[in-house]
C-alpha atoms as a PDB file:
ATOM      1  CA  MET A   1     -34.032 -88.295 -14.091  1.00  0.00           C
ATOM      2  CA  ILE A   2     -31.730 -85.895 -16.655  1.00  0.00           C
ATOM      3  CA  TRP A   3     -28.332 -86.696 -17.403  1.00  0.00           C
ATOM      4  CA  ASP A   4     -26.028 -83.962 -17.603  1.00  0.00           C
ATOM      5  CA  PRO A   5     -22.432 -83.804 -19.292  1.00  0.00           C
ATOM      6  CA  GLY A   6     -21.367 -80.947 -16.847  1.00  0.00           C
ATOM      7  CA  THR A   7     -19.891 -79.551 -19.123  1.00  0.00           C
ATOM      8  CA  PHE A   8     -19.605 -75.801 -16.723  1.00  0.00           C
ATOM      9  CA  THR A   9     -17.529 -77.939 -14.322  1.00  0.00           C
ATOM     10  CA  GLU A  10     -13.454 -77.596 -14.227  1.00  0.00           C
ATOM     11  CA  ASP A  11     -13.469 -81.674 -15.004  1.00  0.00           C
ATOM     12  CA  CYS A  12     -15.938 -81.875 -16.963  1.00  0.00           C
ATOM     13  CA  ILE A  13     -16.093 -85.372 -19.154  1.00  0.00           C
ATOM     14  CA  SER A  14     -14.917 -85.014 -22.892  1.00  0.00           C
ATOM     15  CA  TYR A  15     -17.593 -85.298 -25.962  1.00  0.00           C
ATOM     16  CA  GLN A  16     -16.523 -88.865 -26.777  1.00  0.00           C
ATOM     17  CA  GLY A  17     -16.713 -89.915 -22.968  1.00  0.00           C
ATOM     18  CA  TYR A  18     -20.335 -88.513 -22.608  1.00  0.00           C
ATOM     19  CA  ARG A  19     -21.097 -90.672 -25.576  1.00  0.00           C
ATOM     20  CA  THR A  20     -19.299 -93.632 -24.222  1.00  0.00           C
ATOM     21  CA  TYR A  21     -21.219 -92.972 -20.478  1.00  0.00           C
ATOM     22  CA  LEU A  22     -24.541 -92.584 -22.771  1.00  0.00           C
ATOM     23  CA  ASP A  23     -24.243 -95.999 -24.623  1.00  0.00           C
ATOM     24  CA  ARG A  24     -23.111 -98.031 -21.321  1.00  0.00           C
ATOM     25  CA  HIS A  25     -25.685 -96.368 -18.752  1.00  0.00           C
ATOM     26  CA  ALA A  26     -28.513 -94.096 -20.269  1.00  0.00           C
ATOM     27  CA  LYS A  27     -31.729 -96.327 -20.487  1.00  0.00           C
ATOM     28  CA  SER A  28     -34.445 -95.505 -23.544  1.00  0.00           C
ATOM     29  CA  ARG A  29     -36.876 -93.819 -21.087  1.00  0.00           C
ATOM     30  CA  HIS A  30     -33.881 -91.373 -19.665  1.00  0.00           C
ATOM     31  CA  VAL A  31     -33.537 -87.933 -20.505  1.00  0.00           C
ATOM     32  CA  TYR A  32     -30.363 -86.709 -21.291  1.00  0.00           C
ATOM     33  CA  MET A  33     -28.931 -83.240 -22.216  1.00  0.00           C
ATOM     34  CA  GLN A  34     -26.455 -82.554 -25.428  1.00  0.00           C
ATOM     35  CA  TYR A  35     -23.063 -81.992 -24.921  1.00  0.00           C
ATOM     36  CA  ASP A  36     -22.556 -78.246 -25.634  1.00  0.00           C
ATOM     37  CA  GLU A  37     -19.914 -75.750 -25.184  1.00  0.00           C
ATOM     38  CA  ILE A  38     -20.784 -72.532 -23.298  1.00  0.00           C
ATOM     39  CA  GLY A  39     -20.303 -69.664 -24.857  1.00  0.00           C
ATOM     40  CA  ASP A  40     -20.274 -70.820 -27.904  1.00  0.00           C
ATOM     41  CA  PRO A  41     -23.466 -71.351 -29.995  1.00  0.00           C
ATOM     42  CA  ALA A  42     -21.646 -72.862 -33.301  1.00  0.00           C
ATOM     43  CA  ALA A  43     -19.792 -75.848 -31.290  1.00  0.00           C
ATOM     44  CA  THR A  44     -22.847 -76.587 -29.132  1.00  0.00           C
ATOM     45  CA  ALA A  45     -25.165 -76.552 -32.514  1.00  0.00           C
ATOM     46  CA  TRP A  46     -22.652 -79.248 -34.107  1.00  0.00           C
ATOM     47  CA  TYR A  47     -22.659 -81.347 -30.931  1.00  0.00           C
ATOM     48  CA  LEU A  48     -26.416 -81.218 -31.276  1.00  0.00           C
ATOM     49  CA  GLN A  49     -26.348 -82.462 -34.982  1.00  0.00           C
ATOM     50  CA  ASP A  50     -23.499 -84.715 -34.483  1.00  0.00           C
ATOM     51  CA  MET A  51     -25.547 -86.217 -31.522  1.00  0.00           C
ATOM     52  CA  ARG A  52     -28.511 -86.790 -33.126  1.00  0.00           C
ATOM     53  CA  ARG A  53     -26.494 -88.188 -36.596  1.00  0.00           C
ATOM     54  CA  ARG A  54     -25.172 -90.889 -34.167  1.00  0.00           C
ATOM     55  CA  GLY A  55     -28.776 -91.961 -33.252  1.00  0.00           C
ATOM     56  CA  TYR A  56     -28.747 -90.115 -29.752  1.00  0.00           C
ATOM     57  CA  ASN A  57     -31.645 -88.111 -29.260  1.00  0.00           C
ATOM     58  CA  PRO A  58     -30.814 -85.380 -26.541  1.00  0.00           C
ATOM     59  CA  VAL A  59     -32.415 -82.794 -25.453  1.00  0.00           C
ATOM     60  CA  PRO A  60     -30.667 -79.234 -26.737  1.00  0.00           C
ATOM     61  CA  ILE A  61     -29.136 -76.486 -25.365  1.00  0.00           C
ATOM     62  CA  LEU A  62     -29.694 -73.178 -26.221  1.00  0.00           C
ATOM     63  CA  GLN A  63     -26.713 -70.582 -25.538  1.00  0.00           C
ATOM     64  CA  PRO A  64     -27.148 -66.910 -26.312  1.00  0.00           C
ATOM     65  CA  GLY A  65     -26.438 -66.385 -29.961  1.00  0.00           C
ATOM     66  CA  GLY A  66     -27.621 -69.711 -30.963  1.00  0.00           C
ATOM     67  CA  ASP A  67     -30.760 -70.765 -33.058  1.00  0.00           C
ATOM     68  CA  THR A  68     -33.780 -69.473 -31.250  1.00  0.00           C
ATOM     69  CA  GLY A  69     -36.113 -71.912 -33.512  1.00  0.00           C
ATOM     70  CA  LEU A  70     -35.338 -74.536 -31.134  1.00  0.00           C
ATOM     71  CA  LEU A  71     -37.763 -73.141 -28.907  1.00  0.00           C
ATOM     72  CA  GLN A  72     -40.860 -73.575 -31.374  1.00  0.00           C
ATOM     73  CA  THR A  73     -39.473 -76.957 -32.990  1.00  0.00           C
ATOM     74  CA  GLU A  74     -38.617 -78.859 -29.446  1.00  0.00           C
ATOM     75  CA  ARG A  75     -40.426 -80.250 -26.760  1.00  0.00           C
ATOM     76  CA  LEU A  76     -38.036 -79.350 -24.287  1.00  0.00           C
ATOM     77  CA  VAL A  77     -34.990 -76.903 -24.685  1.00  0.00           C
ATOM     78  CA  PHE A  78     -32.596 -75.856 -22.055  1.00  0.00           C
ATOM     79  CA  ILE A  79     -31.611 -72.365 -21.610  1.00  0.00           C
ATOM     80  CA  GLY A  80     -27.728 -72.115 -20.673  1.00  0.00           C
ATOM     81  CA  GLY A  81     -25.140 -69.179 -20.562  1.00  0.00           C
ATOM     82  CA  THR A  82     -27.255 -66.734 -18.605  1.00  0.00           C
ATOM     83  CA  VAL A  83     -25.243 -67.558 -15.063  1.00  0.00           C
ATOM     84  CA  ARG A  84     -22.290 -65.083 -15.682  1.00  0.00           C
ATOM     85  CA  MET A  85     -25.003 -62.231 -16.990  1.00  0.00           C
ATOM     86  CA  ASN A  86     -25.744 -59.784 -14.332  1.00  0.00           C
ATOM     87  CA  GLU A  87     -29.326 -59.657 -13.708  1.00  0.00           C
ATOM     88  CA  GLU A  88     -30.339 -56.905 -16.102  1.00  0.00           C
ATOM     89  CA  GLU A  89     -28.754 -58.471 -18.879  1.00  0.00           C
ATOM     90  CA  ARG A  90     -30.251 -61.779 -18.104  1.00  0.00           C
ATOM     91  CA  MET A  91     -33.642 -60.624 -17.473  1.00  0.00           C
ATOM     92  CA  ARG A  92     -33.525 -58.888 -20.791  1.00  0.00           C
ATOM     93  CA  TYR A  93     -32.209 -62.187 -22.632  1.00  0.00           C
ATOM     94  CA  LEU A  94     -35.031 -63.957 -20.916  1.00  0.00           C
ATOM     95  CA  ASP A  95     -37.509 -61.679 -22.371  1.00  0.00           C
ATOM     96  CA  ASP A  96     -36.252 -61.121 -25.381  1.00  0.00           C
ATOM     97  CA  LEU A  97     -36.394 -65.210 -25.907  1.00  0.00           C
ATOM     98  CA  LEU A  98     -39.251 -66.354 -23.640  1.00  0.00           C
ATOM     99  CA  CYS A  99     -42.117 -63.170 -24.116  1.00  0.00           C
ATOM    100  CA  GLY A 100     -43.491 -63.977 -27.373  1.00  0.00           C
ATOM    101  CA  PRO A 101     -45.046 -67.335 -28.361  1.00  0.00           C
ATOM    102  CA  VAL A 102     -42.591 -70.480 -27.180  1.00  0.00           C
ATOM    103  CA  ARG A 103     -43.984 -74.106 -27.867  1.00  0.00           C
ATOM    104  CA  ALA A 104     -40.886 -75.752 -26.154  1.00  0.00           C
ATOM    105  CA  ARG A 105     -41.276 -76.174 -22.521  1.00  0.00           C
ATOM    106  CA  VAL A 106     -37.723 -74.744 -21.086  1.00  0.00           C
ATOM    107  CA  HIS A 107     -35.207 -75.370 -18.251  1.00  0.00           C
ATOM    108  CA  LEU A 108     -33.487 -72.813 -16.916  1.00  0.00           C
ATOM    109  CA  LEU A 109     -29.579 -74.117 -16.020  1.00  0.00           C
ATOM    110  CA  GLY A 110     -28.342 -72.481 -13.172  1.00  0.00           C
ATOM    111  CA  MET A 111     -30.980 -70.820 -12.067  1.00  0.00           C
ATOM    112  CA  MET A 112     -33.715 -71.268  -9.427  1.00  0.00           C
ATOM    113  CA  LEU A 113     -35.258 -68.433  -7.899  1.00  0.00           C
ATOM    114  CA  PRO A 114     -39.044 -68.076  -8.715  1.00  0.00           C
ATOM    115  CA  LYS A 115     -38.621 -64.392  -9.572  1.00  0.00           C
ATOM    116  CA  TRP A 116     -36.864 -65.805 -12.720  1.00  0.00           C
ATOM    117  CA  PHE A 117     -39.469 -68.049 -13.772  1.00  0.00           C
ATOM    118  CA  ALA A 118     -42.561 -65.942 -12.811  1.00  0.00           C
ATOM    119  CA  PRO A 119     -42.803 -63.691 -15.985  1.00  0.00           C
ATOM    120  CA  TYR A 120     -41.956 -67.059 -18.234  1.00  0.00           C
ATOM    121  CA  ASN A 121     -44.973 -69.379 -18.829  1.00  0.00           C
ATOM    122  CA  ALA A 122     -42.784 -71.639 -20.880  1.00  0.00           C
ATOM    123  CA  ALA A 123     -40.103 -72.102 -18.023  1.00  0.00           C
ATOM    124  CA  VAL A 124     -40.998 -75.143 -15.769  1.00  0.00           C
ATOM    125  CA  GLN A 125     -38.113 -76.000 -14.803  1.00  0.00           C
ATOM    126  CA  GLY A 126     -34.415 -75.129 -13.535  1.00  0.00           C
ATOM    127  CA  ASP A 127     -31.542 -76.423 -11.700  1.00  0.00           C
ATOM    128  CA  ASN A 128     -29.652 -75.633  -8.612  1.00  0.00           C
ATOM    129  CA  THR A 129     -26.232 -74.071  -7.796  1.00  0.00           C
ATOM    130  CA  SER A 130     -24.269 -76.934  -7.316  1.00  0.00           C
ATOM    131  CA  TRP A 131     -21.489 -75.651  -9.781  1.00  0.00           C
ATOM    132  CA  ILE A 132     -20.732 -72.840  -7.297  1.00  0.00           C
ATOM    133  CA  PRO A 133     -17.528 -73.393  -5.978  1.00  0.00           C
ATOM    134  CA  ARG A 134     -15.784 -75.076  -8.600  1.00  0.00           C
ATOM    135  CA  SER A 135     -14.187 -72.870 -11.297  1.00  0.00           C
ATOM    136  CA  GLU A 136     -11.887 -69.947 -10.809  1.00  0.00           C
ATOM    137  CA  TRP A 137     -14.299 -67.415 -12.408  1.00  0.00           C
ATOM    138  CA  ASN A 138     -16.881 -68.891  -9.582  1.00  0.00           C
ATOM    139  CA  ARG A 139     -14.823 -68.447  -6.844  1.00  0.00           C
ATOM    140  CA  ARG A 140     -14.857 -64.885  -7.532  1.00  0.00           C
ATOM    141  CA  LYS A 141     -17.611 -64.487  -4.841  1.00  0.00           C
ATOM    142  CA  SER A 142     -17.577 -66.744  -1.664  1.00  0.00           C
ATOM    143  CA  VAL A 143     -20.208 -69.365  -1.451  1.00  0.00           C
ATOM    144  CA  ALA A 144     -22.443 -67.488   1.132  1.00  0.00           C
ATOM    145  CA  GLU A 145     -22.225 -64.512  -1.349  1.00  0.00           C
ATOM    146  CA  TRP A 146     -23.492 -66.734  -4.174  1.00  0.00           C
ATOM    147  CA  MET A 147     -26.358 -67.864  -2.355  1.00  0.00           C
ATOM    148  CA  GLN A 148     -27.243 -64.498  -1.199  1.00  0.00           C
ATOM    149  CA  GLU A 149     -27.997 -63.939  -5.044  1.00  0.00           C
ATOM    150  CA  TYR A 150     -29.083 -66.940  -5.944  1.00  0.00           C
ATOM    151  CA  GLY A 151     -30.965 -68.073  -3.054  1.00  0.00           C
ATOM    152  CA  LYS A 152     -31.751 -71.370  -0.882  1.00  0.00           C
ATOM    153  CA  GLN A 153     -32.177 -74.500  -3.268  1.00  0.00           C
ATOM    154  CA  TRP A 154     -35.363 -76.109  -3.683  1.00  0.00           C
ATOM    155  CA  ILE A 155     -33.999 -79.787  -3.599  1.00  0.00           C
ATOM    156  CA  PRO A 156     -34.303 -80.724   0.675  1.00  0.00           C
ATOM    157  CA  PRO A 157     -31.216 -81.477   2.115  1.00  0.00           C
ATOM    158  CA  GLU A 158     -32.251 -85.200   3.027  1.00  0.00           C
ATOM    159  CA  PRO A 159     -33.623 -87.287   0.233  1.00  0.00           C
ATOM    160  CA  ARG A 160     -36.875 -89.042   0.406  1.00  0.00           C
ATOM    161  CA  ARG A 161     -36.810 -92.533   2.461  1.00  0.00           C
ATOM    162  CA  SER A 162     -37.878 -94.525  -0.689  1.00  0.00           C
ATOM    163  CA  VAL A 163     -35.042 -93.200  -2.668  1.00  0.00           C
ATOM    164  CA  GLN A 164     -32.570 -93.927   0.203  1.00  0.00           C
ATOM    165  CA  LEU A 165     -33.825 -97.155   0.390  1.00  0.00           C
ATOM    166  CA  THR A 166     -33.419 -98.043  -3.275  1.00  0.00           C
ATOM    167  CA  LEU A 167     -30.233 -97.207  -2.894  1.00  0.00           C
ATOM    168  CA  PHE A 168     -28.965 -99.335  -0.459  1.00  0.00           C
END
């Protein structure tokens, strides 16, 4: 399980609200992302530094223009800010980041097509497109148009039976 503050959604949680949520619900074995500002690498870097100063151990999110050194110093790095890029721009950006030596394992936020992962050994995980219908920017295309671009979700529509039994 990976906790995500969901800062890409319209009704995202505040920074203080995210920390309070982690204090109440996160266990020491849980993995959670740092709070970030999409499109603002300086604010994202500040949130990472502040969370760590406060004793949290979040997985960093690298926004375009952010500190690429994270790819050498961290075990896992989330790469964000690529959803709004066109395919050529996204490929160029990821090539620049991931074609050289990378020590971190990489999670591509909002990306799931195998062709986006294939060229990059470091890119080992991604997530689905549950964000599609939320913001005005995302509504410029229909869900069907987004799904045509991004493909089907990798997650099966029905959870495994063992998961269902633990929830109910």
